């Protein structure tokens, strides 16, 4: 089930909201949210729910152990920051981290490891007995998101950054909450710990949530999907002209931004409808003047997660320049691998990591006298990296780069590809998307005060989205595969 579906919009969501506000008890509301979130998550494959439950149970128990179970007050314990931790507490943290990473590693990377092992054996002319059979493991929906989210609870409790919970229902509600379960944003426990105990409800908050949700739906259905079709024409073609290749790659940059930013806005809007305030996840990253700034604006919940739970524990920038560069590169490589089990994602992460190192070494991100040049360079790097992110495999990425720089031998289909890319329908939405990326206000600022004109705009976007949704067969969420 996806947010941008008639089933979710006119059946699932209204029923959940009606039942949610029919209860006037926090525990009952959390039980309802947990059960309906499991229904939402297991809609495609009910077996996925057991993995979610397993991860939830492990981290809940580890949290109890770290807080000193069985001698716990009802509200839990906030561990003192900087105080030494017992062996029992350290073991609980290790179990939490290892179990989550093992879960993620098995389902996401085992087949990738087997494939690369077999390729190595073939290259070394090894015996067939050394070859391993592929397991064809089905990737559970959103496993990259909820394992990181659940693991952040254990780390926050261990560090003393958040007070753990003694109620399994409260914790299960936090991990499984359907607005952000499948594709983020990655909500760290310390960001919603207080809200799990008490949150405010108001018509203004609910109304702003509706506005957020509709804006996100419009981004997804009206902008991301048409741009995605343009990108698909080019990336799936045998060949295309350099101009068509660049045009389509820019279109893909629009698609992935509107797709993921739209989903995040929808998630934030749903959270507001339920009384929760989720953090911002995008801040118009294509307006950045450096890759350093880009990562402060793109997928903020992931970049801050990697910073606080990986980069800083590795030493951050506290252990000299060389160690800082190594840490930056390692974090971006792992960030790329987090997105998918493919060398393309590793290369995507490596490109960003290398440029981050160069920017830190040269100080280019701090000196921006000719801003348009800095913007052009930043967007160019982002585009080149998107080629590896979008292409099916490494040969496909290299073939597309060849087309971009006029090094690809053209075929008779090149004109068919161009005619599909540059038809009036796709051309219109490409231009609208470009204007939106360049000029549109931030959703957080725009929805802060809602007047009559803005509500008319929201209603028009909603009606247009529903009309298009009824006839549009192309409606994937890119980040569902991660």
Protein backbone atom coordinates (compact mmCIF):
# COMPACT_ATOMS: atom_id res chain seq x y z
CA UNK A 1 0.00 0.00 0.00
CA UNK A 2 1.31 3.44 -0.92
CA UNK A 3 0.20 6.91 0.15
CA UNK A 4 -0.57 7.94 -3.44
CA UNK A 5 -3.25 5.29 -3.96
CA UNK A 6 -7.02 5.50 -3.88
CA UNK A 7 -7.15 2.64 -1.36
CA UNK A 8 -4.99 4.56 1.11
CA UNK A 9 -6.62 7.96 0.53
CA UNK A 10 -10.27 6.96 0.69
CA UNK A 11 -10.26 3.82 2.83
CA UNK A 12 -7.24 3.19 5.05
CA UNK A 13 -6.47 6.76 6.17
CA UNK A 14 -10.05 7.91 6.97
CA UNK A 15 -10.74 4.76 9.01
CA UNK A 16 -7.48 5.09 10.96
CA UNK A 17 -8.11 8.77 11.72
CA UNK A 18 -11.71 8.16 12.80
CA UNK A 19 -10.71 5.34 15.15
CA UNK A 20 -7.66 7.25 16.40
CA UNK A 21 -9.69 10.26 17.50
CA UNK A 22 -12.52 8.08 18.77
CA UNK A 23 -10.15 7.02 21.55
CA UNK A 24 -9.18 9.53 24.22
CA UNK A 25 -6.47 7.38 25.75
CA UNK A 26 -2.78 7.40 24.79
CA UNK A 27 -2.34 3.63 25.19
CA UNK A 28 -5.37 2.79 23.06
CA UNK A 29 -4.19 5.19 20.38
CA UNK A 30 -0.75 3.61 20.36
CA UNK A 31 -2.25 0.11 20.12
CA UNK A 32 -4.38 1.25 17.19
CA UNK A 33 -1.43 2.91 15.45
CA UNK A 34 0.73 -0.18 15.94
CA UNK A 35 -1.86 -2.65 14.63
CA UNK A 36 -2.85 -0.51 11.64
CA UNK A 37 0.83 0.11 10.86
CA UNK A 38 1.45 -3.64 10.80
CA UNK A 39 -1.53 -3.96 8.45
CA UNK A 40 -0.10 -1.20 6.25
CA UNK A 41 3.35 -2.80 6.23
CA UNK A 42 2.16 -6.35 5.69
CA UNK A 43 -0.33 -5.48 2.96
CA UNK A 44 1.99 -6.73 0.21
CA UNK A 45 3.67 -9.54 2.15
CA UNK A 46 2.43 -10.40 5.69
CA UNK A 47 5.69 -12.26 6.44
CA UNK A 48 7.53 -8.90 6.52
CA UNK A 49 5.68 -8.08 9.74
CA UNK A 50 7.58 -10.81 11.63
CA UNK A 51 10.92 -9.19 10.74
CA UNK A 52 9.64 -5.84 11.96
CA UNK A 53 8.44 -7.45 15.18
CA UNK A 54 11.76 -9.22 15.68
CA UNK A 55 13.78 -6.01 15.31
CA UNK A 56 11.36 -4.18 17.61
CA UNK A 57 11.48 -6.87 20.31
CA UNK A 58 15.30 -7.13 20.31
CA UNK A 59 15.81 -3.39 20.74
CA UNK A 60 13.06 -3.09 23.33
CA UNK A 61 14.64 -5.82 25.49
CA UNK A 62 18.14 -4.36 25.03
CA UNK A 63 16.79 -1.00 26.15
CA UNK A 64 15.32 -2.56 29.30
CA UNK A 65 18.63 -4.25 30.10
CA UNK A 66 20.56 -1.01 29.65
CA UNK A 67 18.17 0.78 32.01
CA UNK A 68 18.67 -1.89 34.71
CA UNK A 69 15.77 -4.34 34.31
CA UNK A 70 14.04 -5.69 36.43
CA UNK A 71 14.49 -2.78 38.89
CA UNK A 72 12.87 -0.06 36.80
CA UNK A 73 10.47 2.76 37.63
CA UNK A 74 7.37 2.94 35.46
CA UNK A 75 8.64 5.79 33.30
CA UNK A 76 12.04 4.25 32.60
CA UNK A 77 15.49 5.59 33.43
CA UNK A 78 17.59 8.31 31.82
CA UNK A 79 21.22 7.17 32.01
CA UNK A 80 23.78 9.78 32.98
CA UNK A 81 25.81 11.04 30.06
CA UNK A 82 29.50 10.37 30.27
CA UNK A 83 29.14 7.93 33.17
CA UNK A 84 30.85 4.56 32.76
CA UNK A 85 28.62 1.74 31.50
CA UNK A 86 28.55 -1.75 32.93
CA UNK A 87 29.51 -4.86 31.00
CA UNK A 88 25.83 -5.82 30.90
CA UNK A 89 24.90 -2.51 29.30
CA UNK A 90 27.68 -2.75 26.72
CA UNK A 91 26.63 -6.29 25.77
CA UNK A 92 23.01 -5.13 25.37
CA UNK A 93 24.12 -2.35 23.01
CA UNK A 94 26.29 -4.76 21.00
CA UNK A 95 23.40 -7.24 20.69
CA UNK A 96 21.11 -4.48 19.44
CA UNK A 97 23.58 -3.21 16.83
CA UNK A 98 24.69 -6.67 15.66
CA UNK A 99 21.14 -8.02 15.38
CA UNK A 100 19.93 -5.03 13.34
CA UNK A 101 22.96 -4.98 11.06
CA UNK A 102 22.77 -8.77 10.64
CA UNK A 103 19.12 -8.51 9.67
CA UNK A 104 19.92 -5.77 7.18
CA UNK A 105 23.05 -7.55 5.93
CA UNK A 106 21.35 -10.90 5.33
CA UNK A 107 18.34 -9.65 3.43
CA UNK A 108 20.10 -6.89 1.51
CA UNK A 109 23.69 -7.98 0.90
CA UNK A 110 24.05 -11.77 0.97
CA UNK A 111 23.13 -12.25 -2.70
CA UNK A 112 25.40 -9.32 -3.62
CA UNK A 113 28.27 -10.98 -1.74
CA UNK A 114 27.62 -14.33 -3.40
CA UNK A 115 27.51 -12.73 -6.84
CA UNK A 116 30.85 -10.98 -6.33
CA UNK A 117 32.45 -14.10 -4.82
CA UNK A 118 31.43 -16.14 -7.86
CA UNK A 119 32.77 -13.49 -10.23
CA UNK A 120 36.08 -13.54 -8.37
CA UNK A 121 36.27 -17.35 -8.58
CA UNK A 122 35.56 -17.26 -12.32
CA UNK A 123 38.26 -14.62 -12.81
CA UNK A 124 40.73 -16.82 -10.90
CA UNK A 125 39.70 -19.91 -12.93
CA UNK A 126 38.77 -21.66 -9.70
CA UNK A 127 36.91 -24.97 -9.62
CA UNK A 128 33.12 -24.95 -9.83
CA UNK A 129 33.05 -26.37 -6.33
CA UNK A 130 33.99 -22.92 -5.04
CA UNK A 131 30.94 -21.31 -6.65
CA UNK A 132 28.00 -20.54 -4.39
CA UNK A 133 24.34 -20.74 -5.42
CA UNK A 134 22.38 -17.49 -5.36
CA UNK A 135 19.73 -17.47 -2.63
CA UNK A 136 17.41 -14.94 -4.37
CA UNK A 137 16.44 -13.39 -1.04
CA UNK A 138 13.38 -11.14 -1.18
CA UNK A 139 14.19 -7.67 0.16
CA UNK A 140 11.66 -6.66 2.84
CA UNK A 141 10.06 -3.28 2.28
CA UNK A 142 11.74 -0.39 4.10
CA UNK A 143 14.17 -2.60 6.06
CA UNK A 144 16.97 -0.03 5.66
CA UNK A 145 14.81 2.60 7.35
CA UNK A 146 13.31 0.77 10.29
CA UNK A 147 16.53 -1.02 11.29
CA UNK A 148 18.35 2.32 11.49
CA UNK A 149 15.44 3.85 13.35
CA UNK A 150 15.09 1.02 15.86
CA UNK A 151 18.85 0.86 16.39
CA UNK A 152 18.95 4.59 17.16
CA UNK A 153 16.78 3.90 20.22
CA UNK A 154 19.34 1.57 21.78
CA UNK A 155 22.20 3.96 21.03
CA UNK A 156 20.30 6.99 22.40
CA UNK A 157 19.40 5.14 25.60
CA UNK A 158 22.99 3.89 26.04
CA UNK A 159 24.44 7.37 25.53
CA UNK A 160 21.93 8.99 27.84
CA UNK A 161 20.48 11.10 25.02
CA UNK A 162 16.95 9.79 25.63
CA UNK A 163 15.02 8.06 28.36
CA UNK A 164 14.03 4.53 27.42
CA UNK A 165 10.46 3.23 27.58
CA UNK A 166 9.09 0.39 29.69
CA UNK A 167 5.90 0.05 27.60
CA UNK A 168 6.34 -2.31 24.66
CA UNK A 169 3.28 -0.77 22.99
CA UNK A 170 4.84 2.71 23.06
CA UNK A 171 8.09 1.43 21.59
CA UNK A 172 6.36 -0.71 18.94
CA UNK A 173 4.30 2.35 17.98
CA UNK A 174 7.48 4.41 17.55
CA UNK A 175 9.18 1.83 15.32
CA UNK A 176 6.18 0.85 13.19
CA UNK A 177 4.32 4.15 12.77
CA UNK A 178 3.05 3.90 9.17
CA UNK A 179 3.70 7.54 8.08
CA UNK A 180 7.49 7.05 8.11
CA UNK A 181 7.85 3.25 8.25
CA UNK A 182 8.60 2.36 4.63
CA UNK A 183 10.65 5.26 3.26
CA UNK A 184 11.45 7.60 6.11
CA UNK A 185 12.29 10.15 7.20
CA UNK A 186 14.43 8.23 9.70
CA UNK A 187 12.94 9.38 13.01
CA UNK A 188 15.44 9.06 15.83
CA UNK A 189 13.99 8.14 19.21
CA UNK A 190 15.28 11.27 20.94
CA UNK A 191 13.25 13.35 18.44
CA UNK A 192 9.88 11.85 19.44
CA UNK A 193 10.50 10.42 22.94
CA UNK A 194 8.65 13.27 24.67
CA UNK A 195 5.85 13.16 22.08
CA UNK A 196 5.19 9.50 22.81
CA UNK A 197 4.34 10.50 26.38
CA UNK A 198 2.45 13.68 25.58
CA UNK A 199 1.57 15.56 22.40
CA UNK A 200 -0.83 18.33 21.63
CA UNK A 201 -3.77 18.17 19.24
CA UNK A 202 -5.38 21.13 17.50
CA UNK A 203 -7.37 21.91 14.37
CA UNK A 204 -4.52 24.15 13.18
CA UNK A 205 -2.03 21.31 13.51
CA UNK A 206 -4.35 18.86 11.75
CA UNK A 207 -5.07 21.34 8.96
CA UNK A 208 -1.36 22.00 8.43
CA UNK A 209 -0.88 18.24 8.21
CA UNK A 210 -3.47 18.09 5.42
CA UNK A 211 -1.67 20.88 3.55
CA UNK A 212 1.69 19.12 3.95
CA UNK A 213 0.22 15.82 2.73
CA UNK A 214 -1.46 17.35 -0.33
CA UNK A 215 1.68 19.28 -1.31
CA UNK A 216 3.68 16.06 -1.07
CA UNK A 217 1.10 14.17 -3.10
CA UNK A 218 1.22 16.86 -5.76
CA UNK A 219 5.01 16.66 -5.89
CA UNK A 220 4.79 12.91 -6.35
CA UNK A 221 1.92 12.54 -8.80
CA UNK A 222 2.04 15.77 -10.80
CA UNK A 223 5.83 16.28 -11.01
CA UNK A 224 7.87 13.19 -10.08
CA UNK A 225 5.93 10.70 -12.21
CA UNK A 226 6.06 12.62 -15.53
CA UNK A 227 9.76 13.40 -14.99
CA UNK A 228 10.34 9.73 -14.24
CA UNK A 229 8.87 8.74 -17.58
CA UNK A 230 11.31 11.07 -19.37
CA UNK A 231 14.26 9.51 -17.52
CA UNK A 232 13.01 5.99 -18.26
CA UNK A 233 12.85 6.70 -22.01
CA UNK A 234 16.52 7.66 -22.06
CA UNK A 235 17.97 5.14 -19.60
CA UNK A 236 16.15 2.24 -21.26
CA UNK A 237 17.00 3.31 -24.83
CA UNK A 238 19.74 1.74 -26.94
CA UNK A 239 21.15 5.18 -27.62
CA UNK A 240 20.26 8.86 -27.44
CA UNK A 241 21.73 12.21 -28.40
CA UNK A 242 23.92 14.08 -25.89
CA UNK A 243 21.27 16.78 -25.49
CA UNK A 244 18.54 14.19 -24.81
CA UNK A 245 20.82 12.38 -22.35
CA UNK A 246 21.53 15.54 -20.35
CA UNK A 247 17.89 16.65 -20.51
CA UNK A 248 16.71 13.25 -19.25
CA UNK A 249 19.32 13.13 -16.49
CA UNK A 250 18.16 16.53 -15.24
CA UNK A 251 14.64 15.13 -15.42
CA UNK A 252 15.73 12.21 -13.24
CA UNK A 253 17.21 14.65 -10.73
CA UNK A 254 13.76 16.28 -10.60
CA UNK A 255 12.05 12.91 -10.27
CA UNK A 256 14.09 11.62 -7.36
CA UNK A 257 13.82 14.94 -5.51
CA UNK A 258 10.05 15.31 -5.95
CA UNK A 259 9.49 11.61 -5.31
CA UNK A 260 11.40 11.45 -2.04
CA UNK A 261 10.71 15.00 -0.87
CA UNK A 262 7.05 14.45 -1.71
CA UNK A 263 6.97 11.24 0.29
CA UNK A 264 8.65 12.99 3.23
CA UNK A 265 6.11 15.82 3.10
CA UNK A 266 3.28 13.29 3.04
CA UNK A 267 4.83 11.51 6.05
CA UNK A 268 5.26 14.78 7.94
CA UNK A 269 1.67 15.71 7.12
CA UNK A 270 0.35 12.37 8.37
CA UNK A 271 2.41 12.80 11.54
CA UNK A 272 0.85 16.23 12.16
CA UNK A 273 -2.63 14.75 11.68
CA UNK A 274 -1.77 12.25 14.42
CA UNK A 275 -0.29 14.91 16.70
CA UNK A 276 3.40 14.18 15.99
CA UNK A 277 5.97 16.68 14.72
CA UNK A 278 8.56 14.98 12.50
CA UNK A 279 11.79 16.75 11.49
CA UNK A 280 12.39 18.32 8.08
CA UNK A 281 14.00 15.96 5.57
CA UNK A 282 14.64 18.18 2.53
CA UNK A 283 15.50 21.84 2.05
CA UNK A 284 15.77 22.37 -1.69
CA UNK A 285 19.17 20.68 -2.11
CA UNK A 286 19.56 21.70 -5.76
CA UNK A 287 20.01 25.29 -4.59
CA UNK A 288 23.26 24.32 -2.85
CA UNK A 289 26.61 25.95 -3.64
CA UNK A 290 28.75 22.98 -2.57
CA UNK A 291 28.40 19.24 -2.02
CA UNK A 292 28.93 19.94 1.69
CA UNK A 293 25.86 22.16 1.65
CA UNK A 294 23.98 19.65 -0.52
CA UNK A 295 24.27 17.05 2.24
CA UNK A 296 22.90 19.52 4.76
CA UNK A 297 19.81 19.82 2.55
CA UNK A 298 19.35 16.35 1.00
CA UNK A 299 17.81 13.46 3.00
CA UNK A 300 18.63 15.32 6.20
CA UNK A 301 17.49 12.47 8.46
CA UNK A 302 19.98 10.06 6.85
CA UNK A 303 22.91 12.50 6.67
CA UNK A 304 22.51 13.50 10.33
CA UNK A 305 22.07 9.84 11.31
CA UNK A 306 25.34 8.92 9.57
CA UNK A 307 27.05 11.95 11.14
CA UNK A 308 25.92 11.26 14.72
CA UNK A 309 26.09 7.46 14.75
CA UNK A 310 29.00 6.78 12.38
CA UNK A 311 31.13 9.81 11.48
CA UNK A 312 31.49 11.22 15.02
CA UNK A 313 32.08 7.79 16.68
CA UNK A 314 34.81 7.15 14.07
CA UNK A 315 36.54 10.28 15.32
CA UNK A 316 34.90 12.90 13.10
CA UNK A 317 37.33 15.75 12.56
CA UNK A 318 38.96 15.44 15.99
CA UNK A 319 41.90 13.24 15.03
CA UNK A 320 43.72 15.19 12.37
CA UNK A 321 43.17 16.02 8.71
CA UNK A 322 44.00 12.60 7.24
CA UNK A 323 41.71 10.77 9.64
CA UNK A 324 38.94 13.29 8.87
CA UNK A 325 39.25 12.62 5.12
CA UNK A 326 39.21 8.86 5.68
CA UNK A 327 36.14 9.16 7.90
CA UNK A 328 34.31 11.29 5.33
CA UNK A 329 35.06 8.87 2.53
CA UNK A 330 34.15 5.80 4.59
CA UNK A 331 30.84 7.30 5.71
CA UNK A 332 29.84 8.19 2.15
CA UNK A 333 30.85 4.73 0.86
CA UNK A 334 28.70 3.11 3.53
CA UNK A 335 25.93 5.62 2.82
CA UNK A 336 26.03 4.57 -0.82
CA UNK A 337 25.95 0.89 0.10
CA UNK A 338 23.03 1.58 2.45
CA UNK A 339 21.00 2.59 -0.58
CA UNK A 340 21.47 -0.72 -2.33
CA UNK A 341 23.59 -3.82 -2.88
CA UNK A 342 25.29 -2.68 -6.07
CA UNK A 343 28.65 -1.30 -7.08
CA UNK A 344 26.76 1.57 -8.69
CA UNK A 345 25.64 2.78 -5.28
CA UNK A 346 29.17 2.40 -3.92
CA UNK A 347 30.48 4.53 -6.79
CA UNK A 348 27.72 7.08 -6.18
CA UNK A 349 28.80 7.31 -2.53
CA UNK A 350 32.48 7.44 -3.54
CA UNK A 351 31.90 10.40 -5.87
CA UNK A 352 30.24 12.37 -3.09
CA UNK A 353 32.88 11.27 -0.57
CA UNK A 354 35.82 12.29 -2.76
CA UNK A 355 34.30 15.69 -3.52
CA UNK A 356 33.55 16.25 0.19
CA UNK A 357 37.22 15.53 0.94
CA UNK A 358 38.36 17.93 -1.81
CA UNK A 359 36.04 20.65 -0.53
CA UNK A 360 37.30 20.24 3.02
CA UNK A 361 40.95 20.23 1.90
CA UNK A 362 40.63 23.29 -0.35
CA UNK A 363 38.06 25.17 1.73
CA UNK A 364 36.05 25.77 -1.44
CA UNK A 365 32.74 25.39 0.36
CA UNK A 366 33.60 28.39 2.57
CA UNK A 367 34.66 30.74 -0.25
CA UNK A 368 31.84 31.52 -2.65
CA UNK A 369 32.61 34.80 -4.41
CA UNK A 370 31.12 33.71 -7.75
CA UNK A 371 28.09 31.80 -6.54
CA UNK A 372 26.76 30.79 -9.95
CA UNK A 373 30.00 28.92 -10.68
CA UNK A 374 29.77 27.13 -7.34
CA UNK A 375 26.15 26.23 -8.02
CA UNK A 376 27.01 24.95 -11.52
CA UNK A 377 29.86 22.80 -10.25
CA UNK A 378 27.71 21.39 -7.41
CA UNK A 379 24.81 20.49 -9.66
CA UNK A 380 27.19 18.97 -12.23
CA UNK A 381 28.71 16.66 -9.60
CA UNK A 382 25.26 15.69 -8.34
CA UNK A 383 24.11 14.90 -11.89
CA UNK A 384 27.14 12.76 -12.72
CA UNK A 385 26.62 10.81 -9.51
CA UNK A 386 22.90 10.33 -10.31
CA UNK A 387 23.89 8.40 -13.44
CA UNK A 388 25.28 5.60 -11.27
CA UNK A 389 22.31 5.83 -8.91
CA UNK A 390 19.76 5.45 -11.72
CA UNK A 391 21.46 2.99 -14.11
CA UNK A 392 20.65 -0.70 -13.70
CA UNK A 393 24.32 -1.74 -13.58
CA UNK A 394 27.84 -0.43 -14.14
CA UNK A 395 27.92 -1.06 -17.93
CA UNK A 396 24.60 0.76 -18.20
CA UNK A 397 26.00 3.74 -16.28
CA UNK A 398 29.13 3.91 -18.45
CA UNK A 399 27.01 3.62 -21.60
CA UNK A 400 24.83 6.53 -20.46
CA UNK A 401 27.87 8.66 -19.65
CA UNK A 402 29.12 7.94 -23.16
CA UNK A 403 25.85 9.21 -24.58
CA UNK A 404 26.07 12.38 -22.47
CA UNK A 405 29.51 13.26 -23.83
CA UNK A 406 28.83 12.22 -27.45
CA UNK A 407 30.94 9.06 -27.31
CA UNK A 408 28.11 6.61 -27.95
CA UNK A 409 27.47 5.16 -31.40
CA UNK A 410 23.94 6.14 -32.37
CA UNK A 411 21.29 3.76 -33.64
CA UNK A 412 18.19 4.27 -35.75
CA UNK A 413 16.13 4.40 -32.52
CA UNK A 414 17.77 7.63 -31.36
CA UNK A 415 15.11 9.77 -33.05
CA UNK A 416 12.27 7.71 -31.55
CA UNK A 417 13.78 8.30 -28.11
CA UNK A 418 14.02 12.04 -28.70
CA UNK A 419 10.45 12.28 -29.96
CA UNK A 420 9.18 10.52 -26.82
CA UNK A 421 11.27 12.72 -24.51
CA UNK A 422 10.43 16.05 -26.13
CA UNK A 423 6.69 15.68 -26.69
CA UNK A 424 4.55 18.59 -25.45
CA UNK A 425 3.20 16.74 -22.37
CA UNK A 426 6.60 15.84 -20.93
CA UNK A 427 8.11 19.16 -22.01
CA UNK A 428 5.45 21.06 -20.03
CA UNK A 429 6.05 19.12 -16.81
CA UNK A 430 9.83 19.37 -17.21
CA UNK A 431 9.56 23.17 -17.34
CA UNK A 432 7.13 23.28 -14.40
CA UNK A 433 9.48 21.06 -12.37
CA UNK A 434 12.48 23.27 -13.17
CA UNK A 435 10.58 26.39 -12.07
CA UNK A 436 9.43 24.66 -8.90
CA UNK A 437 12.98 23.57 -8.02
CA UNK A 438 14.32 27.08 -8.63
CA UNK A 439 11.59 29.28 -7.19
CA UNK A 440 9.10 27.43 -4.98
CA UNK A 441 9.03 28.29 -1.26
CA UNK A 442 9.83 25.71 1.37
CA UNK A 443 6.80 23.65 2.50
CA UNK A 444 7.54 24.36 6.18
CA UNK A 445 7.41 28.12 5.61
CA UNK A 446 4.51 28.02 3.16
CA UNK A 447 2.21 26.03 5.47
CA UNK A 448 3.04 28.01 8.61
CA UNK A 449 0.17 30.43 8.02
CA UNK A 450 -2.67 29.17 5.83
CA UNK A 451 -5.04 31.70 4.28
CA UNK A 452 -7.92 31.42 1.82
CA UNK A 453 -5.68 31.63 -1.25
CA UNK A 454 -3.40 28.88 -0.01
CA UNK A 455 -6.33 26.58 0.81
CA UNK A 456 -7.70 27.08 -2.72
CA UNK A 457 -4.26 26.11 -4.04
CA UNK A 458 -4.22 23.00 -1.83
CA UNK A 459 -7.70 21.97 -3.04
CA UNK A 460 -6.71 22.44 -6.70
CA UNK A 461 -3.54 20.34 -6.21
CA UNK A 462 -5.58 17.63 -4.47
CA UNK A 463 -8.24 17.48 -7.20
CA UNK A 464 -5.64 17.46 -9.98
CA UNK A 465 -3.67 14.72 -8.19
CA UNK A 466 -6.78 12.54 -7.81
CA UNK A 467 -7.74 13.01 -11.46
CA UNK A 468 -4.23 12.13 -12.65
CA UNK A 469 -3.99 9.24 -10.21
CA UNK A 470 -7.08 7.58 -11.67
CA UNK A 471 -5.51 7.42 -15.15
CA UNK A 472 -1.80 7.22 -14.33
CA UNK A 473 -0.36 3.72 -14.35
CA UNK A 474 3.19 4.86 -13.57
CA UNK A 475 3.31 5.44 -9.79
CA UNK A 476 6.41 3.90 -8.14
CA UNK A 477 8.12 5.31 -5.05
CA UNK A 478 11.86 5.18 -5.74
CA UNK A 479 12.93 4.77 -2.11
CA UNK A 480 10.62 1.80 -1.50
CA UNK A 481 13.37 -0.44 -2.92
CA UNK A 482 15.85 0.72 -0.26
